[in-house]
Amino acid sequence: MAELIHIHEDQEILQGFVDESREMLDEVEPLLIELEERSSHSCRVDPEVLNTIFRLFHSMKGSAGFLELMTLGKVTHTAETILDLFRKRSGTIDSNHIDILNRICDFIRVLLDQIVEKYHDEGYEEEAKDIVCALKPTIDDLEETKTATAVDSRIIGPIKIGENTISNIKKQFPIFDNKIQNNDLVYLDSANSSQKPKVVIDKINEFYTK
């Protein structure tokens, strides 16, 4: 009897998760359309809409992990990763990215239907793997964009020792203005009379990624 009660409670928890996840998807899908429209008009990501979508996927992923729904957790993690890269201003969202996120939403609905019927998400591992593999190039491209923003293309020639203060670095490379504190220093190798740009880039990147 106790085992039956436990099974019934687990089923109720899973049903509650499914209901909540479906509500989240109902909220996410129109937001994706709104995000695409705003991005196409202004060529910029709307941070409020983006953060809302990210939080919904993040919440779903957390609940899936708690309930040991591994397949669902894997695809929601992929969606979360892509959205987080955009939150960090890695690239511009276009229709292809929205299509990717809509594909994930459609797949999640399939998993939720099975969870209602069988109380697990097993049997779709290959489909989930195909989605993750298909999205890897997109994630890699966004990661490269994120890294590229840490390098100002105007860096040409050596940086002199006398120019190694953060205030001077910030004047030369405004892109880092919000990432470097005024009282920090970029320490260059004092053994040389001048430094190649890579030395400064590496040091700036350390601050940029904090």
C-alpha atoms as a PDB file:
ATOM      1  CA  MET A   1       0.000   0.000   0.000  1.00  0.00           C
ATOM      2  CA  ALA A   2       2.799   2.421   0.923  1.00  0.00           C
ATOM      3  CA  GLU A   3       4.530   1.732  -2.399  1.00  0.00           C
ATOM      4  CA  LEU A   4       1.327   2.460  -4.309  1.00  0.00           C
ATOM      5  CA  ILE A   5       0.904   5.735  -2.455  1.00  0.00           C
ATOM      6  CA  HIS A   6       4.499   6.668  -3.296  1.00  0.00           C
ATOM      7  CA  ILE A   7       3.951   5.882  -6.988  1.00  0.00           C
ATOM      8  CA  HIS A   8       0.766   7.933  -7.008  1.00  0.00           C
ATOM      9  CA  GLU A   9       2.562  10.888  -5.421  1.00  0.00           C
ATOM     10  CA  ASP A  10       5.357  10.672  -8.007  1.00  0.00           C
ATOM     11  CA  GLN A  11       2.793  10.645 -10.797  1.00  0.00           C
ATOM     12  CA  GLU A  12       1.096  13.714  -9.358  1.00  0.00           C
ATOM     13  CA  ILE A  13       4.439  15.520  -9.186  1.00  0.00           C
ATOM     14  CA  LEU A  14       5.205  14.641 -12.811  1.00  0.00           C
ATOM     15  CA  GLN A  15       1.739  15.745 -13.910  1.00  0.00           C
ATOM     16  CA  GLY A  16       2.242  19.034 -12.105  1.00  0.00           C
ATOM     17  CA  PHE A  17       5.598  19.469 -13.839  1.00  0.00           C
ATOM     18  CA  VAL A  18       4.028  18.782 -17.236  1.00  0.00           C
ATOM     19  CA  ASP A  19       1.224  21.266 -16.638  1.00  0.00           C
ATOM     20  CA  GLU A  20       3.676  23.939 -15.529  1.00  0.00           C
ATOM     21  CA  SER A  21       6.064  23.241 -18.425  1.00  0.00           C
ATOM     22  CA  ARG A  22       3.255  23.494 -20.959  1.00  0.00           C
ATOM     23  CA  GLU A  23       2.278  26.846 -19.501  1.00  0.00           C
ATOM     24  CA  MET A  24       5.912  27.959 -19.807  1.00  0.00           C
ATOM     25  CA  LEU A  25       6.014  26.911 -23.467  1.00  0.00           C
ATOM     26  CA  ASP A  26       2.750  28.754 -24.085  1.00  0.00           C
ATOM     27  CA  GLU A  27       4.495  31.821 -22.687  1.00  0.00           C
ATOM     28  CA  VAL A  28       7.817  31.251 -24.468  1.00  0.00           C
ATOM     29  CA  GLU A  29       6.548  30.759 -28.015  1.00  0.00           C
ATOM     30  CA  PRO A  30       4.912  34.207 -28.487  1.00  0.00           C
ATOM     31  CA  LEU A  31       7.905  35.769 -26.763  1.00  0.00           C
ATOM     32  CA  LEU A  32      10.159  34.184 -29.384  1.00  0.00           C
ATOM     33  CA  ILE A  33       8.106  35.824 -32.113  1.00  0.00           C
ATOM     34  CA  GLU A  34       8.299  39.148 -30.285  1.00  0.00           C
ATOM     35  CA  LEU A  35      12.042  38.737 -29.825  1.00  0.00           C
ATOM     36  CA  GLU A  36      12.559  38.068 -33.526  1.00  0.00           C
ATOM     37  CA  GLU A  37      10.427  41.047 -34.556  1.00  0.00           C
ATOM     38  CA  ARG A  38      12.174  43.468 -32.213  1.00  0.00           C
ATOM     39  CA  SER A  39      15.613  42.175 -33.197  1.00  0.00           C
ATOM     40  CA  SER A  40      14.867  42.461 -36.916  1.00  0.00           C
ATOM     41  CA  HIS A  41      13.601  46.039 -36.540  1.00  0.00           C
ATOM     42  CA  SER A  42      16.330  47.387 -34.309  1.00  0.00           C
ATOM     43  CA  CYS A  43      19.133  44.845 -34.964  1.00  0.00           C
ATOM     44  CA  ARG A  44      19.404  44.573 -31.189  1.00  0.00           C
ATOM     45  CA  VAL A  45      18.281  41.979 -28.682  1.00  0.00           C
ATOM     46  CA  ASP A  46      15.562  43.110 -26.307  1.00  0.00           C
ATOM     47  CA  PRO A  47      17.098  42.265 -22.911  1.00  0.00           C
ATOM     48  CA  GLU A  48      13.806  42.104 -21.004  1.00  0.00           C
ATOM     49  CA  VAL A  49      12.202  39.634 -23.413  1.00  0.00           C
ATOM     50  CA  LEU A  50      15.422  37.630 -23.678  1.00  0.00           C
ATOM     51  CA  ASN A  51      15.807  37.364 -19.910  1.00  0.00           C
ATOM     52  CA  THR A  52      12.204  36.211 -19.536  1.00  0.00           C
ATOM     53  CA  ILE A  53      12.703  33.424 -22.096  1.00  0.00           C
ATOM     54  CA  PHE A  54      15.996  32.432 -20.485  1.00  0.00           C
ATOM     55  CA  ARG A  55      14.433  32.200 -17.021  1.00  0.00           C
ATOM     56  CA  LEU A  56      11.618  29.991 -18.295  1.00  0.00           C
ATOM     57  CA  PHE A  57      14.025  27.503 -19.883  1.00  0.00           C
ATOM     58  CA  HIS A  58      16.274  27.695 -16.829  1.00  0.00           C
ATOM     59  CA  SER A  59      13.373  26.868 -14.528  1.00  0.00           C
ATOM     60  CA  MET A  60      12.258  23.980 -16.722  1.00  0.00           C
ATOM     61  CA  LYS A  61      15.791  22.591 -16.838  1.00  0.00           C
ATOM     62  CA  GLY A  62      16.118  22.736 -13.066  1.00  0.00           C
ATOM     63  CA  SER A  63      12.840  20.903 -12.503  1.00  0.00           C
ATOM     64  CA  ALA A  64      13.718  18.295 -15.133  1.00  0.00           C
ATOM     65  CA  GLY A  65      17.012  17.627 -13.375  1.00  0.00           C
ATOM     66  CA  PHE A  66      15.279  17.243 -10.005  1.00  0.00           C
ATOM     67  CA  LEU A  67      12.822  14.739 -11.528  1.00  0.00           C
ATOM     68  CA  GLU A  68      15.641  12.897 -13.353  1.00  0.00           C
ATOM     69  CA  LEU A  69      14.179  13.618 -16.769  1.00  0.00           C
ATOM     70  CA  MET A  70      17.540  13.481 -18.464  1.00  0.00           C
ATOM     71  CA  THR A  71      16.460  13.877 -22.092  1.00  0.00           C
ATOM     72  CA  LEU A  72      14.350  16.914 -21.313  1.00  0.00           C
ATOM     73  CA  GLY A  73      17.149  18.328 -19.203  1.00  0.00           C
ATOM     74  CA  LYS A  74      19.610  17.979 -22.067  1.00  0.00           C
ATOM     75  CA  VAL A  75      17.584  19.925 -24.627  1.00  0.00           C
ATOM     76  CA  THR A  76      16.527  22.643 -22.172  1.00  0.00           C
ATOM     77  CA  HIS A  77      20.185  23.046 -21.232  1.00  0.00           C
ATOM     78  CA  THR A  78      21.023  23.579 -24.911  1.00  0.00           C
ATOM     79  CA  ALA A  79      18.322  26.239 -25.226  1.00  0.00           C
ATOM     80  CA  GLU A  80      19.564  27.870 -22.030  1.00  0.00           C
ATOM     81  CA  THR A  81      23.142  27.911 -23.366  1.00  0.00           C
ATOM     82  CA  ILE A  82      22.162  29.660 -26.595  1.00  0.00           C
ATOM     83  CA  LEU A  83      20.031  32.213 -24.774  1.00  0.00           C
ATOM     84  CA  ASP A  84      22.754  32.891 -22.228  1.00  0.00           C
ATOM     85  CA  LEU A  85      25.218  33.655 -25.015  1.00  0.00           C
ATOM     86  CA  PHE A  86      22.789  36.195 -26.429  1.00  0.00           C
ATOM     87  CA  ARG A  87      22.313  37.636 -22.934  1.00  0.00           C
ATOM     88  CA  LYS A  88      26.073  38.234 -22.937  1.00  0.00           C
ATOM     89  CA  ARG A  89      25.665  40.053 -26.258  1.00  0.00           C
ATOM     90  CA  SER A  90      27.297  37.364 -28.381  1.00  0.00           C
ATOM     91  CA  GLY A  91      25.902  38.084 -31.819  1.00  0.00           C
ATOM     92  CA  THR A  92      22.474  39.140 -33.081  1.00  0.00           C
ATOM     93  CA  ILE A  93      19.368  36.971 -33.035  1.00  0.00           C
ATOM     94  CA  ASP A  94      17.944  36.179 -36.479  1.00  0.00           C
ATOM     95  CA  SER A  95      15.194  33.956 -37.860  1.00  0.00           C
ATOM     96  CA  ASN A  96      17.487  30.907 -37.893  1.00  0.00           C
ATOM     97  CA  HIS A  97      18.058  31.176 -34.154  1.00  0.00           C
ATOM     98  CA  ILE A  98      14.330  31.552 -33.527  1.00  0.00           C
ATOM     99  CA  ASP A  99      13.695  28.469 -35.672  1.00  0.00           C
ATOM    100  CA  ILE A 100      16.198  26.556 -33.531  1.00  0.00           C
ATOM    101  CA  LEU A 101      14.468  27.563 -30.311  1.00  0.00           C
ATOM    102  CA  ASN A 102      11.049  26.753 -31.773  1.00  0.00           C
ATOM    103  CA  ARG A 103      12.363  23.318 -32.747  1.00  0.00           C
ATOM    104  CA  ILE A 104      13.408  22.759 -29.152  1.00  0.00           C
ATOM    105  CA  CYS A 105       9.973  23.848 -27.933  1.00  0.00           C
ATOM    106  CA  ASP A 106       8.273  21.392 -30.307  1.00  0.00           C
ATOM    107  CA  PHE A 107      10.512  18.571 -29.114  1.00  0.00           C
ATOM    108  CA  ILE A 108       9.864  19.420 -25.471  1.00  0.00           C
ATOM    109  CA  ARG A 109       6.115  19.146 -26.122  1.00  0.00           C
ATOM    110  CA  VAL A 110       6.656  15.651 -27.521  1.00  0.00           C
ATOM    111  CA  LEU A 111       8.576  14.679 -24.393  1.00  0.00           C
ATOM    112  CA  LEU A 112       5.879  16.141 -22.149  1.00  0.00           C
ATOM    113  CA  ASP A 113       3.214  14.108 -23.946  1.00  0.00           C
ATOM    114  CA  GLN A 114       5.168  10.944 -23.206  1.00  0.00           C
ATOM    115  CA  ILE A 115       5.745  11.923 -19.581  1.00  0.00           C
ATOM    116  CA  VAL A 116       1.978  12.210 -19.149  1.00  0.00           C
ATOM    117  CA  GLU A 117       1.480   8.769 -20.639  1.00  0.00           C
ATOM    118  CA  LYS A 118       4.465   6.833 -19.312  1.00  0.00           C
ATOM    119  CA  TYR A 119       5.875   9.043 -16.528  1.00  0.00           C
ATOM    120  CA  HIS A 120       9.357   9.174 -18.062  1.00  0.00           C
ATOM    121  CA  ASP A 121      11.119  10.748 -21.052  1.00  0.00           C
ATOM    122  CA  GLU A 122      13.139   7.734 -22.136  1.00  0.00           C
ATOM    123  CA  GLY A 123      13.241   6.552 -25.736  1.00  0.00           C
ATOM    124  CA  TYR A 124      14.031   9.929 -27.294  1.00  0.00           C
ATOM    125  CA  GLU A 125      17.737   9.994 -26.513  1.00  0.00           C
ATOM    126  CA  GLU A 126      18.810   9.821 -30.162  1.00  0.00           C
ATOM    127  CA  GLU A 127      16.443  12.612 -31.174  1.00  0.00           C
ATOM    128  CA  ALA A 128      17.781  14.757 -28.343  1.00  0.00           C
ATOM    129  CA  LYS A 129      21.343  13.952 -29.379  1.00  0.00           C
ATOM    130  CA  ASP A 130      20.577  14.931 -32.983  1.00  0.00           C
ATOM    131  CA  ILE A 131      19.176  18.281 -31.821  1.00  0.00           C
ATOM    132  CA  VAL A 132      22.173  18.994 -29.583  1.00  0.00           C
ATOM    133  CA  CYS A 133      24.620  18.025 -32.362  1.00  0.00           C
ATOM    134  CA  ALA A 134      22.738  20.143 -34.891  1.00  0.00           C
ATOM    135  CA  LEU A 135      22.935  23.137 -32.565  1.00  0.00           C
ATOM    136  CA  LYS A 136      26.609  22.738 -31.712  1.00  0.00           C
ATOM    137  CA  PRO A 137      27.839  24.788 -34.739  1.00  0.00           C
ATOM    138  CA  THR A 138      25.501  27.609 -33.723  1.00  0.00           C
ATOM    139  CA  ILE A 139      26.767  27.539 -30.136  1.00  0.00           C
ATOM    140  CA  ASP A 140      30.372  27.408 -31.365  1.00  0.00           C
ATOM    141  CA  ASP A 141      29.760  30.424 -33.618  1.00  0.00           C
ATOM    142  CA  LEU A 142      28.259  32.373 -30.736  1.00  0.00           C
ATOM    143  CA  GLU A 143      31.168  31.404 -28.494  1.00  0.00           C
ATOM    144  CA  GLU A 144      33.590  32.680 -31.128  1.00  0.00           C
ATOM    145  CA  THR A 145      31.630  35.927 -31.351  1.00  0.00           C
ATOM    146  CA  LYS A 146      31.843  36.288 -27.575  1.00  0.00           C
ATOM    147  CA  THR A 147      35.610  35.773 -27.673  1.00  0.00           C
ATOM    148  CA  ALA A 148      36.045  38.120 -30.603  1.00  0.00           C
ATOM    149  CA  THR A 149      34.423  40.984 -28.728  1.00  0.00           C
ATOM    150  CA  ALA A 150      37.375  40.873 -26.326  1.00  0.00           C
ATOM    151  CA  VAL A 151      39.764  41.985 -29.082  1.00  0.00           C
ATOM    152  CA  ASP A 152      39.690  45.456 -30.578  1.00  0.00           C
ATOM    153  CA  SER A 153      40.651  45.316 -34.255  1.00  0.00           C
ATOM    154  CA  ARG A 154      42.431  48.657 -33.901  1.00  0.00           C
ATOM    155  CA  ILE A 155      45.269  47.060 -31.890  1.00  0.00           C
ATOM    156  CA  ILE A 156      48.280  47.408 -34.161  1.00  0.00           C
ATOM    157  CA  GLY A 157      51.892  47.670 -33.087  1.00  0.00           C
ATOM    158  CA  PRO A 158      53.554  47.591 -29.647  1.00  0.00           C
ATOM    159  CA  ILE A 159      52.198  49.076 -26.425  1.00  0.00           C
ATOM    160  CA  LYS A 160      54.753  51.084 -24.461  1.00  0.00           C
ATOM    161  CA  ILE A 161      55.453  50.509 -20.773  1.00  0.00           C
ATOM    162  CA  GLY A 162      54.376  54.059 -19.963  1.00  0.00           C
ATOM    163  CA  GLU A 163      50.904  53.292 -21.322  1.00  0.00           C
ATOM    164  CA  ASN A 164      50.103  50.339 -19.109  1.00  0.00           C
ATOM    165  CA  THR A 165      47.617  51.957 -16.739  1.00  0.00           C
ATOM    166  CA  ILE A 166      43.971  50.982 -16.929  1.00  0.00           C
ATOM    167  CA  SER A 167      42.925  54.572 -17.662  1.00  0.00           C
ATOM    168  CA  ASN A 168      45.113  54.624 -20.772  1.00  0.00           C
ATOM    169  CA  ILE A 169      44.027  51.152 -21.827  1.00  0.00           C
ATOM    170  CA  LYS A 170      40.400  52.220 -21.509  1.00  0.00           C
ATOM    171  CA  LYS A 171      41.008  55.267 -23.697  1.00  0.00           C
ATOM    172  CA  GLN A 172      42.472  53.047 -26.400  1.00  0.00           C
ATOM    173  CA  PHE A 173      39.914  50.277 -26.077  1.00  0.00           C
ATOM    174  CA  PRO A 174      36.500  51.718 -25.049  1.00  0.00           C
ATOM    175  CA  ILE A 175      34.855  48.315 -25.491  1.00  0.00           C
ATOM    176  CA  PHE A 176      36.316  47.306 -22.114  1.00  0.00           C
ATOM    177  CA  ASP A 177      35.164  50.399 -20.248  1.00  0.00           C
ATOM    178  CA  ASN A 178      32.460  48.570 -18.289  1.00  0.00           C
ATOM    179  CA  LYS A 179      34.632  45.586 -17.469  1.00  0.00           C
ATOM    180  CA  ILE A 180      37.840  47.120 -16.085  1.00  0.00           C
ATOM    181  CA  GLN A 181      37.975  48.886 -12.724  1.00  0.00           C
ATOM    182  CA  ASN A 182      39.774  52.226 -12.492  1.00  0.00           C
ATOM    183  CA  ASN A 183      42.090  51.080  -9.728  1.00  0.00           C
ATOM    184  CA  ASP A 184      43.295  47.959 -11.548  1.00  0.00           C
ATOM    185  CA  LEU A 185      46.563  47.726 -13.451  1.00  0.00           C
ATOM    186  CA  VAL A 186      47.609  45.745 -16.466  1.00  0.00           C
ATOM    187  CA  TYR A 187      51.066  44.491 -15.551  1.00  0.00           C
ATOM    188  CA  LEU A 188      53.361  44.228 -18.529  1.00  0.00           C
ATOM    189  CA  ASP A 189      56.766  42.629 -18.565  1.00  0.00           C
ATOM    190  CA  SER A 190      59.111  45.452 -17.461  1.00  0.00           C
ATOM    191  CA  ALA A 191      62.091  43.588 -18.885  1.00  0.00           C
ATOM    192  CA  ASN A 192      61.218  44.845 -22.358  1.00  0.00           C
ATOM    193  CA  SER A 193      60.976  48.397 -23.601  1.00  0.00           C
ATOM    194  CA  SER A 194      57.750  47.653 -25.433  1.00  0.00           C
ATOM    195  CA  GLN A 195      55.095  44.952 -25.519  1.00  0.00           C
ATOM    196  CA  LYS A 196      53.371  43.231 -28.388  1.00  0.00           C
ATOM    197  CA  PRO A 197      49.586  43.679 -28.508  1.00  0.00           C
ATOM    198  CA  LYS A 198      48.938  40.043 -27.578  1.00  0.00           C
ATOM    199  CA  VAL A 199      50.298  40.666 -24.076  1.00  0.00           C
ATOM    200  CA  VAL A 200      47.793  43.444 -23.517  1.00  0.00           C
ATOM    201  CA  ILE A 201      44.981  41.485 -25.150  1.00  0.00           C
ATOM    202  CA  ASP A 202      45.602  38.529 -22.844  1.00  0.00           C
ATOM    203  CA  LYS A 203      45.564  40.764 -19.790  1.00  0.00           C
ATOM    204  CA  ILE A 204      42.450  42.627 -20.885  1.00  0.00           C
ATOM    205  CA  ASN A 205      40.727  39.314 -21.607  1.00  0.00           C
ATOM    206  CA  GLU A 206      41.384  38.275 -18.015  1.00  0.00           C
ATOM    207  CA  PHE A 207      39.403  41.283 -16.818  1.00  0.00           C
ATOM    208  CA  TYR A 208      36.788  40.943 -19.546  1.00  0.00           C
ATOM    209  CA  THR A 209      35.893  37.368 -18.597  1.00  0.00           C
ATOM    210  CA  LYS A 210      35.616  38.025 -14.847  1.00  0.00           C
END
